C-alpha atoms as a PDB file:
ATOM      1  CA  MET A   1       0.000   0.000   0.000  1.00  0.00           C
ATOM      2  CA  SER A   2       2.830   2.430   0.734  1.00  0.00           C
ATOM      3  CA  SER A   3       4.038   2.112  -2.854  1.00  0.00           C
ATOM      4  CA  LEU A   4       0.587   3.133  -4.090  1.00  0.00           C
ATOM      5  CA  VAL A   5       0.623   6.192  -1.830  1.00  0.00           C
ATOM      6  CA  ALA A   6       4.021   7.210  -3.189  1.00  0.00           C
ATOM      7  CA  LEU A   7       3.077   6.612  -6.817  1.00  0.00           C
ATOM      8  CA  VAL A   8      -0.183   8.546  -6.544  1.00  0.00           C
ATOM      9  CA  GLY A   9       1.711  11.428  -4.971  1.00  0.00           C
ATOM     10  CA  LEU A  10       4.220  11.383  -7.809  1.00  0.00           C
ATOM     11  CA  VAL A  11       1.408  11.524 -10.369  1.00  0.00           C
ATOM     12  CA  GLU A  12       0.151  14.794  -8.898  1.00  0.00           C
ATOM     13  CA  HIS A  13       3.623  16.226  -8.322  1.00  0.00           C
ATOM     14  CA  ASN A  14       4.669  15.640 -11.922  1.00  0.00           C
ATOM     15  CA  ARG A  15       1.362  16.866 -13.344  1.00  0.00           C
ATOM     16  CA  ARG A  16       1.690  20.105 -11.382  1.00  0.00           C
ATOM     17  CA  ALA A  17       5.280  20.495 -12.548  1.00  0.00           C
ATOM     18  CA  GLY A  18       4.211  20.148 -16.183  1.00  0.00           C
ATOM     19  CA  ARG A  19       5.874  16.770 -16.641  1.00  0.00           C
ATOM     20  CA  VAL A  20       2.817  15.100 -18.107  1.00  0.00           C
ATOM     21  CA  GLU A  21       4.553  12.042 -19.545  1.00  0.00           C
ATOM     22  CA  GLU A  22       6.147  11.348 -16.161  1.00  0.00           C
ATOM     23  CA  ALA A  23       2.744  11.742 -14.493  1.00  0.00           C
ATOM     24  CA  TRP A  24       1.233   9.192 -16.876  1.00  0.00           C
ATOM     25  CA  ARG A  25       4.165   6.835 -16.272  1.00  0.00           C
ATOM     26  CA  TYR A  26       3.606   6.951 -12.509  1.00  0.00           C
ATOM     27  CA  LEU A  27      -0.130   6.507 -13.011  1.00  0.00           C
ATOM     28  CA  ARG A  28       0.498   3.345 -15.054  1.00  0.00           C
ATOM     29  CA  MET A  29       2.769   2.083 -12.278  1.00  0.00           C
ATOM     30  CA  ALA A  30       0.036   2.803  -9.710  1.00  0.00           C
ATOM     31  CA  GLU A  31      -2.428   0.849 -11.863  1.00  0.00           C
ATOM     32  CA  ALA A  32      -0.082  -2.118 -11.971  1.00  0.00           C
ATOM     33  CA  GLU A  33      -0.118  -2.230  -8.170  1.00  0.00           C
ATOM     34  CA  TYR A  34      -3.894  -2.713  -7.957  1.00  0.00           C
ATOM     35  CA  THR A  35      -5.512  -3.808 -11.185  1.00  0.00           C
ATOM     36  CA  ASP A  36      -6.984  -7.280 -11.152  1.00  0.00           C
ATOM     37  CA  GLU A  37      -8.367  -7.681  -7.661  1.00  0.00           C
ATOM     38  CA  TRP A  38     -10.047  -5.664  -4.987  1.00  0.00           C
ATOM     39  CA  ASN A  39      -7.364  -5.148  -2.417  1.00  0.00           C
ATOM     40  CA  GLY A  40      -8.146  -1.511  -1.663  1.00  0.00           C
ATOM     41  CA  PRO A  41      -7.901   0.770   0.023  1.00  0.00           C
ATOM     42  CA  PRO A  42     -10.690   2.456  -1.900  1.00  0.00           C
ATOM     43  CA  GLN A  43      -9.569   5.923  -0.758  1.00  0.00           C
ATOM     44  CA  LEU A  44      -6.255   5.634  -2.582  1.00  0.00           C
ATOM     45  CA  LEU A  45      -7.886   4.120  -5.629  1.00  0.00           C
ATOM     46  CA  ALA A  46     -10.347   7.039  -5.676  1.00  0.00           C
ATOM     47  CA  ILE A  47      -7.462   9.508  -5.521  1.00  0.00           C
ATOM     48  CA  ARG A  48      -5.667   7.640  -8.296  1.00  0.00           C
ATOM     49  CA  GLU A  49      -8.743   7.849 -10.516  1.00  0.00           C
ATOM     50  CA  GLY A  50      -9.191  11.517  -9.624  1.00  0.00           C
ATOM     51  CA  HIS A  51      -5.625  12.225 -10.760  1.00  0.00           C
ATOM     52  CA  ARG A  52      -6.326  10.314 -13.972  1.00  0.00           C
ATOM     53  CA  ALA A  53      -9.333  12.562 -14.566  1.00  0.00           C
ATOM     54  CA  MET A  54      -7.250  15.709 -14.006  1.00  0.00           C
ATOM     55  CA  LEU A  55      -4.683  14.504 -16.543  1.00  0.00           C
ATOM     56  CA  HIS A  56      -7.470  13.929 -19.057  1.00  0.00           C
ATOM     57  CA  LEU A  57      -8.949  17.370 -18.367  1.00  0.00           C
ATOM     58  CA  ASP A  58      -5.514  18.940 -18.791  1.00  0.00           C
ATOM     59  CA  VAL A  59      -5.523  17.761 -22.429  1.00  0.00           C
ATOM     60  CA  GLY A  60      -9.204  18.481 -23.039  1.00  0.00           C
ATOM     61  CA  ASP A  61     -10.480  14.893 -22.997  1.00  0.00           C
ATOM     62  CA  SER A  62     -13.660  15.413 -20.995  1.00  0.00           C
ATOM     63  CA  ASP A  63     -15.159  12.026 -21.945  1.00  0.00           C
ATOM     64  CA  ALA A  64     -12.230  10.099 -20.471  1.00  0.00           C
ATOM     65  CA  ALA A  65     -12.229  12.437 -17.462  1.00  0.00           C
ATOM     66  CA  GLN A  66     -15.923  11.711 -16.869  1.00  0.00           C
ATOM     67  CA  ARG A  67     -15.294   7.951 -16.844  1.00  0.00           C
ATOM     68  CA  ALA A  68     -12.368   8.325 -14.421  1.00  0.00           C
ATOM     69  CA  LEU A  69     -14.429  10.583 -12.159  1.00  0.00           C
ATOM     70  CA  ALA A  70     -17.258   8.037 -12.123  1.00  0.00           C
ATOM     71  CA  ARG A  71     -14.779   5.393 -10.905  1.00  0.00           C
ATOM     72  CA  ALA A  72     -13.321   7.844  -8.367  1.00  0.00           C
ATOM     73  CA  LEU A  73     -16.785   8.682  -7.060  1.00  0.00           C
ATOM     74  CA  GLN A  74     -17.805   5.058  -6.737  1.00  0.00           C
ATOM     75  CA  LEU A  75     -14.586   4.135  -4.928  1.00  0.00           C
ATOM     76  CA  GLY A  76     -14.774   7.201  -2.691  1.00  0.00           C
ATOM     77  CA  SER A  77     -18.369   6.419  -1.787  1.00  0.00           C
ATOM     78  CA  VAL A  78     -17.368   2.873  -0.829  1.00  0.00           C
ATOM     79  CA  ALA A  79     -14.820   4.305   1.607  1.00  0.00           C
ATOM     80  CA  ARG A  80     -17.311   6.859   3.013  1.00  0.00           C
ATOM     81  CA  ASP A  81     -14.314   9.074   3.585  1.00  0.00           C
ATOM     82  CA  MET A  82     -15.552  12.660   3.397  1.00  0.00           C
ATOM     83  CA  PRO A  83     -12.147  14.311   2.808  1.00  0.00           C
ATOM     84  CA  ILE A  84     -11.698  11.990  -0.182  1.00  0.00           C
ATOM     85  CA  MET A  85     -15.263  12.626  -1.352  1.00  0.00           C
ATOM     86  CA  SER A  86     -14.643  16.362  -1.072  1.00  0.00           C
ATOM     87  CA  ARG A  87     -11.548  16.029  -3.230  1.00  0.00           C
ATOM     88  CA  VAL A  88     -13.441  13.977  -5.817  1.00  0.00           C
ATOM     89  CA  THR A  89     -16.210  16.592  -5.763  1.00  0.00           C
ATOM     90  CA  ILE A  90     -13.710  19.313  -6.630  1.00  0.00           C
ATOM     91  CA  GLY A  91     -12.578  17.174  -9.571  1.00  0.00           C
ATOM     92  CA  VAL A  92     -16.187  16.849 -10.720  1.00  0.00           C
ATOM     93  CA  ALA A  93     -16.550  20.631 -10.364  1.00  0.00           C
ATOM     94  CA  ARG A  94     -13.557  21.073 -12.652  1.00  0.00           C
ATOM     95  CA  TYR A  95     -15.161  18.668 -15.118  1.00  0.00           C
ATOM     96  CA  ALA A  96     -18.444  20.627 -14.974  1.00  0.00           C
ATOM     97  CA  ARG A  97     -16.574  23.843 -15.712  1.00  0.00           C
ATOM     98  CA  ALA A  98     -14.704  22.195 -18.586  1.00  0.00           C
ATOM     99  CA  VAL A  99     -17.945  21.089 -20.240  1.00  0.00           C
ATOM    100  CA  GLY A 100     -19.423  24.572 -19.908  1.00  0.00           C
ATOM    101  CA  ASP A 101     -21.600  24.432 -16.796  1.00  0.00           C
ATOM    102  CA  PRO A 102     -20.332  27.128 -14.393  1.00  0.00           C
ATOM    103  CA  GLU A 103     -23.486  26.949 -12.246  1.00  0.00           C
ATOM    104  CA  LEU A 104     -22.977  23.240 -11.584  1.00  0.00           C
ATOM    105  CA  ALA A 105     -19.259  23.775 -10.989  1.00  0.00           C
ATOM    106  CA  ALA A 106     -19.944  26.459  -8.362  1.00  0.00           C
ATOM    107  CA  ARG A 107     -22.612  24.343  -6.710  1.00  0.00           C
ATOM    108  CA  LEU A 108     -20.207  21.415  -6.522  1.00  0.00           C
ATOM    109  CA  LEU A 109     -17.565  23.612  -4.895  1.00  0.00           C
ATOM    110  CA  GLY A 110     -20.142  24.367  -2.202  1.00  0.00           C
ATOM    111  CA  ALA A 111     -20.953  20.668  -1.925  1.00  0.00           C
ATOM    112  CA  ALA A 112     -17.243  19.916  -1.436  1.00  0.00           C
ATOM    113  CA  GLU A 113     -17.206  22.310   1.511  1.00  0.00           C
ATOM    114  CA  GLU A 114     -20.314  20.668   2.964  1.00  0.00           C
ATOM    115  CA  MET A 115     -18.713  17.217   2.714  1.00  0.00           C
ATOM    116  CA  LEU A 116     -15.451  18.298   4.279  1.00  0.00           C
ATOM    117  CA  GLY A 117     -17.031  20.590   6.845  1.00  0.00           C
ATOM    118  CA  ALA A 118     -14.547  23.312   5.887  1.00  0.00           C
ATOM    119  CA  VAL A 119     -12.939  24.997   2.906  1.00  0.00           C
ATOM    120  CA  ASP A 120      -9.701  23.336   1.800  1.00  0.00           C
ATOM    121  CA  ARG A 121      -7.748  26.428   0.812  1.00  0.00           C
ATOM    122  CA  SER A 122      -4.689  24.291   0.012  1.00  0.00           C
ATOM    123  CA  ASP A 123      -6.411  22.515  -2.898  1.00  0.00           C
ATOM    124  CA  LEU A 124      -4.976  24.088  -6.049  1.00  0.00           C
ATOM    125  CA  GLU A 125      -7.809  22.837  -8.272  1.00  0.00           C
ATOM    126  CA  ARG A 126     -10.329  24.471  -5.943  1.00  0.00           C
ATOM    127  CA  ARG A 127      -8.390  27.730  -5.832  1.00  0.00           C
ATOM    128  CA  ALA A 128      -8.249  27.934  -9.631  1.00  0.00           C
ATOM    129  CA  LEU A 129     -11.980  27.273  -9.915  1.00  0.00           C
ATOM    130  CA  VAL A 130     -12.840  29.875  -7.285  1.00  0.00           C
ATOM    131  CA  GLU A 131     -10.644  32.425  -9.041  1.00  0.00           C
ATOM    132  CA  ASP A 132     -12.401  31.695 -12.334  1.00  0.00           C
ATOM    133  CA  LEU A 133     -15.992  31.278 -11.145  1.00  0.00           C
ATOM    134  CA  GLY A 134     -15.873  33.837  -8.339  1.00  0.00           C
ATOM    135  CA  LYS A 135     -16.021  36.618 -10.931  1.00  0.00           C
ATOM    136  CA  LEU A 136     -19.524  35.586 -11.986  1.00  0.00           C
ATOM    137  CA  PRO A 137     -22.335  37.558 -10.318  1.00  0.00           C
ATOM    138  CA  GLU A 138     -24.324  34.378  -9.518  1.00  0.00           C
ATOM    139  CA  TYR A 139     -21.354  32.544  -7.979  1.00  0.00           C
ATOM    140  CA  GLU A 140     -22.273  33.088  -4.316  1.00  0.00           C
ATOM    141  CA  SER A 141     -25.852  31.838  -4.718  1.00  0.00           C
ATOM    142  CA  TRP A 142     -24.755  28.831  -6.764  1.00  0.00           C
ATOM    143  CA  TYR A 143     -22.052  27.996  -4.202  1.00  0.00           C
ATOM    144  CA  ALA A 144     -24.527  28.356  -1.323  1.00  0.00           C
ATOM    145  CA  ALA A 145     -26.920  25.898  -3.002  1.00  0.00           C
ATOM    146  CA  GLY A 146     -24.248  23.209  -2.823  1.00  0.00           C
ATOM    147  CA  LYS A 147     -22.987  24.138   0.622  1.00  0.00           C
ATOM    148  CA  ASN A 148     -26.502  24.100   2.057  1.00  0.00           C
ATOM    149  CA  GLY A 149     -27.554  20.939   0.235  1.00  0.00           C
ATOM    150  CA  ALA A 150     -28.001  17.664   2.054  1.00  0.00           C
ATOM    151  CA  ARG A 151     -25.058  15.298   1.721  1.00  0.00           C
ATOM    152  CA  GLN A 152     -27.116  12.562   0.057  1.00  0.00           C
ATOM    153  CA  GLU A 153     -28.598  15.077  -2.371  1.00  0.00           C
ATOM    154  CA  ASN A 154     -25.115  16.307  -3.280  1.00  0.00           C
ATOM    155  CA  GLN A 155     -23.849  12.770  -3.793  1.00  0.00           C
ATOM    156  CA  VAL A 156     -26.746  12.023  -6.146  1.00  0.00           C
ATOM    157  CA  LEU A 157     -25.916  15.229  -8.045  1.00  0.00           C
ATOM    158  CA  LEU A 158     -22.301  14.056  -8.344  1.00  0.00           C
ATOM    159  CA  ALA A 159     -23.373  10.642  -9.617  1.00  0.00           C
ATOM    160  CA  ARG A 160     -25.674  12.155 -12.228  1.00  0.00           C
ATOM    161  CA  THR A 161     -22.971  14.568 -13.345  1.00  0.00           C
ATOM    162  CA  VAL A 162     -20.485  11.785 -14.107  1.00  0.00           C
ATOM    163  CA  GLY A 163     -22.994   9.210 -15.324  1.00  0.00           C
ATOM    164  CA  LEU A 164     -22.765   6.869 -12.329  1.00  0.00           C
ATOM    165  CA  ALA A 165     -25.983   5.075 -11.442  1.00  0.00           C
ATOM    166  CA  GLU A 166     -27.274   6.259  -8.084  1.00  0.00           C
ATOM    167  CA  GLU A 167     -27.541   2.659  -6.850  1.00  0.00           C
ATOM    168  CA  ASP A 168     -23.792   2.214  -7.467  1.00  0.00           C
ATOM    169  CA  LEU A 169     -22.892   4.791  -4.805  1.00  0.00           C
ATOM    170  CA  GLY A 170     -21.297   2.896  -1.930  1.00  0.00           C
ATOM    171  CA  LYS A 171     -21.168  -0.371  -3.889  1.00  0.00           C
ATOM    172  CA  VAL A 172     -17.845  -2.160  -4.410  1.00  0.00           C
ATOM    173  CA  PRO A 173     -17.238  -2.338  -8.175  1.00  0.00           C
ATOM    174  CA  ALA A 174     -18.125  -5.776  -9.528  1.00  0.00           C
ATOM    175  CA  GLN A 175     -15.638  -5.593 -12.374  1.00  0.00           C
ATOM    176  CA  THR A 176     -11.889  -5.507 -12.297  1.00  0.00           C
ATOM    177  CA  LEU A 177     -10.306  -2.271 -11.128  1.00  0.00           C
ATOM    178  CA  ARG A 178      -8.558  -1.877 -14.459  1.00  0.00           C
ATOM    179  CA  PRO A 179      -9.636   1.478 -15.927  1.00  0.00           C
END
């Protein structure tokens, strides 16, 4: 498990540093650690899939990002780990913004705060979205809708956004973990 933690961290580090090929290489190594059997932990697998989605969004491949975010959401919901779910929610907000839905993106940023119980000001994806969306006059009301939403309602919204069946929330994936 410690190798997966290190590899997932290296994916994000290299992506942030602009070394995309290195990020993909580390992601493939992280996949090799946990591909053909469920040996968790689902939190780390959710983070891995979230990083995959960010790499896809970085190159404009929103379809592949959506599929990765659906896997991240399902794995995160299995873990019931709200800091992980908050992080996945921020990834889904970035996806929503990328496909042209600023209202949904702002609402999901609010939902991420609700899940975490605080604002994660260290999250660079969140900061970039707030900088972008915060200029819109409707931002505060959209954000408040997510922040004041019920957790279950927000999770259903997430599932619908990434095309995950609502009944798959919290369910261990039946198929292999290979993306």
